[in-house]
Amino acid sequence: MSLQEQFAQAQAESKNLPERPDNMTLLKIYALYKQGSSGDVTGERPGMTDFVNRAKYDAWANLKGTSQEDAMQQYIDLIEELKG
């Protein structure tokens, strides 16, 4: 199975985890997914009053420079870990 196929499978499995991850883990999942699927962060950082989207943007921005392949593999590994 290719990395891309494993990434897609992990994405599907992320919707059926045995328990909901904490917010920091959810941000990590989001950031790794975005980095793996889109590459480095794009767009403007949301304003201070948009807490959720600002946190998501910052989490993704922290991965800047990580290759899409590395991000995909980290995402797959994290979902596997959360599946238990």
C-alpha atoms as a PDB file:
ATOM      1  CA  MET A   1       0.000   0.000   0.000  1.00  0.00           C
ATOM      2  CA  SER A   2       1.398   3.403  -0.952  1.00  0.00           C
ATOM      3  CA  LEU A   3       1.959   6.204   1.545  1.00  0.00           C
ATOM      4  CA  GLN A   4      -0.910   8.130  -0.083  1.00  0.00           C
ATOM      5  CA  GLU A   5      -3.258   5.136   0.368  1.00  0.00           C
ATOM      6  CA  GLN A   6      -2.179   4.678   3.988  1.00  0.00           C
ATOM      7  CA  PHE A   7      -2.756   8.413   4.565  1.00  0.00           C
ATOM      8  CA  ALA A   8      -6.272   8.178   3.104  1.00  0.00           C
ATOM      9  CA  GLN A   9      -7.008   5.094   5.221  1.00  0.00           C
ATOM     10  CA  ALA A  10      -5.760   6.826   8.390  1.00  0.00           C
ATOM     11  CA  GLN A  11      -7.956   9.814   7.564  1.00  0.00           C
ATOM     12  CA  ALA A  12     -11.009   7.526   7.355  1.00  0.00           C
ATOM     13  CA  GLU A  13     -10.009   5.763  10.589  1.00  0.00           C
ATOM     14  CA  SER A  14      -9.586   9.104  12.386  1.00  0.00           C
ATOM     15  CA  LYS A  15     -13.374   9.505  12.296  1.00  0.00           C
ATOM     16  CA  ASN A  16     -13.870   6.246  14.241  1.00  0.00           C
ATOM     17  CA  LEU A  17     -11.393   6.489  17.114  1.00  0.00           C
ATOM     18  CA  PRO A  18     -12.424   4.687  20.324  1.00  0.00           C
ATOM     19  CA  GLU A  19     -12.387   7.983  22.253  1.00  0.00           C
ATOM     20  CA  ARG A  20     -12.193  11.643  21.353  1.00  0.00           C
ATOM     21  CA  PRO A  21      -8.610  12.932  21.612  1.00  0.00           C
ATOM     22  CA  ASP A  22      -7.849  15.967  23.775  1.00  0.00           C
ATOM     23  CA  ASN A  23      -7.665  19.376  22.112  1.00  0.00           C
ATOM     24  CA  MET A  24      -3.851  19.404  21.800  1.00  0.00           C
ATOM     25  CA  THR A  25      -3.947  16.020  20.057  1.00  0.00           C
ATOM     26  CA  LEU A  26      -6.778  17.198  17.794  1.00  0.00           C
ATOM     27  CA  LEU A  27      -4.653  20.209  16.808  1.00  0.00           C
ATOM     28  CA  LYS A  28      -1.739  17.889  16.046  1.00  0.00           C
ATOM     29  CA  ILE A  29      -3.984  15.659  13.909  1.00  0.00           C
ATOM     30  CA  TYR A  30      -5.288  18.705  12.047  1.00  0.00           C
ATOM     31  CA  ALA A  31      -1.834  20.184  11.492  1.00  0.00           C
ATOM     32  CA  LEU A  32      -0.290  16.912  10.285  1.00  0.00           C
ATOM     33  CA  TYR A  33      -3.228  16.355   7.946  1.00  0.00           C
ATOM     34  CA  LYS A  34      -2.961  19.860   6.474  1.00  0.00           C
ATOM     35  CA  GLN A  35       0.839  19.617   6.114  1.00  0.00           C
ATOM     36  CA  GLY A  36       0.548  16.172   4.553  1.00  0.00           C
ATOM     37  CA  SER A  37      -2.194  17.127   2.130  1.00  0.00           C
ATOM     38  CA  SER A  38      -1.345  20.764   1.332  1.00  0.00           C
ATOM     39  CA  GLY A  39       2.265  21.434   2.368  1.00  0.00           C
ATOM     40  CA  ASP A  40       3.322  24.565   4.231  1.00  0.00           C
ATOM     41  CA  VAL A  41       0.730  26.856   5.788  1.00  0.00           C
ATOM     42  CA  THR A  42      -0.942  29.422   3.535  1.00  0.00           C
ATOM     43  CA  GLY A  43      -3.162  32.437   4.069  1.00  0.00           C
ATOM     44  CA  GLU A  44      -3.222  35.020   6.798  1.00  0.00           C
ATOM     45  CA  ARG A  45      -3.222  34.195  10.485  1.00  0.00           C
ATOM     46  CA  PRO A  46      -6.755  34.608  11.884  1.00  0.00           C
ATOM     47  CA  GLY A  47      -7.381  37.491  14.289  1.00  0.00           C
ATOM     48  CA  MET A  48      -7.113  37.256  18.063  1.00  0.00           C
ATOM     49  CA  THR A  49     -10.879  36.850  18.507  1.00  0.00           C
ATOM     50  CA  ASP A  50     -10.999  33.742  16.299  1.00  0.00           C
ATOM     51  CA  PHE A  51      -9.438  31.442  18.902  1.00  0.00           C
ATOM     52  CA  VAL A  52     -10.147  28.078  17.261  1.00  0.00           C
ATOM     53  CA  ASN A  53      -8.979  28.931  13.754  1.00  0.00           C
ATOM     54  CA  ARG A  54      -5.981  30.828  15.122  1.00  0.00           C
ATOM     55  CA  ALA A  55      -4.912  27.761  17.124  1.00  0.00           C
ATOM     56  CA  LYS A  56      -5.351  25.544  14.052  1.00  0.00           C
ATOM     57  CA  TYR A  57      -3.328  27.965  11.921  1.00  0.00           C
ATOM     58  CA  ASP A  58      -0.542  28.139  14.518  1.00  0.00           C
ATOM     59  CA  ALA A  59      -0.391  24.341  14.855  1.00  0.00           C
ATOM     60  CA  TRP A  60      -0.063  24.017  11.077  1.00  0.00           C
ATOM     61  CA  ALA A  61       2.493  26.858  10.914  1.00  0.00           C
ATOM     62  CA  ASN A  62       4.659  25.021  13.477  1.00  0.00           C
ATOM     63  CA  LEU A  63       5.170  22.240  10.904  1.00  0.00           C
ATOM     64  CA  LYS A  64       6.504  24.605   8.232  1.00  0.00           C
ATOM     65  CA  GLY A  65       9.341  22.961   6.353  1.00  0.00           C
ATOM     66  CA  THR A  66       8.221  19.414   7.173  1.00  0.00           C
ATOM     67  CA  SER A  67       7.943  17.424   3.944  1.00  0.00           C
ATOM     68  CA  GLN A  68       4.478  16.256   2.951  1.00  0.00           C
ATOM     69  CA  GLU A  69       5.718  12.646   3.112  1.00  0.00           C
ATOM     70  CA  ASP A  70       7.037  13.079   6.670  1.00  0.00           C
ATOM     71  CA  ALA A  71       3.781  14.724   7.747  1.00  0.00           C
ATOM     72  CA  MET A  72       1.750  11.907   6.170  1.00  0.00           C
ATOM     73  CA  GLN A  73       3.820   9.279   7.988  1.00  0.00           C
ATOM     74  CA  GLN A  74       3.516  11.117  11.323  1.00  0.00           C
ATOM     75  CA  TYR A  75      -0.248  11.425  10.781  1.00  0.00           C
ATOM     76  CA  ILE A  76      -0.558   7.694  10.017  1.00  0.00           C
ATOM     77  CA  ASP A  77       1.531   6.808  13.096  1.00  0.00           C
ATOM     78  CA  LEU A  78      -0.518   9.109  15.351  1.00  0.00           C
ATOM     79  CA  ILE A  79      -3.857   7.679  14.181  1.00  0.00           C
ATOM     80  CA  GLU A  80      -2.516   4.129  14.664  1.00  0.00           C
ATOM     81  CA  GLU A  81      -1.441   5.060  18.199  1.00  0.00           C
ATOM     82  CA  LEU A  82      -4.857   6.565  19.000  1.00  0.00           C
ATOM     83  CA  LYS A  83      -6.671   3.490  17.684  1.00  0.00           C
ATOM     84  CA  GLY A  84      -5.065   1.611  20.568  1.00  0.00           C
END
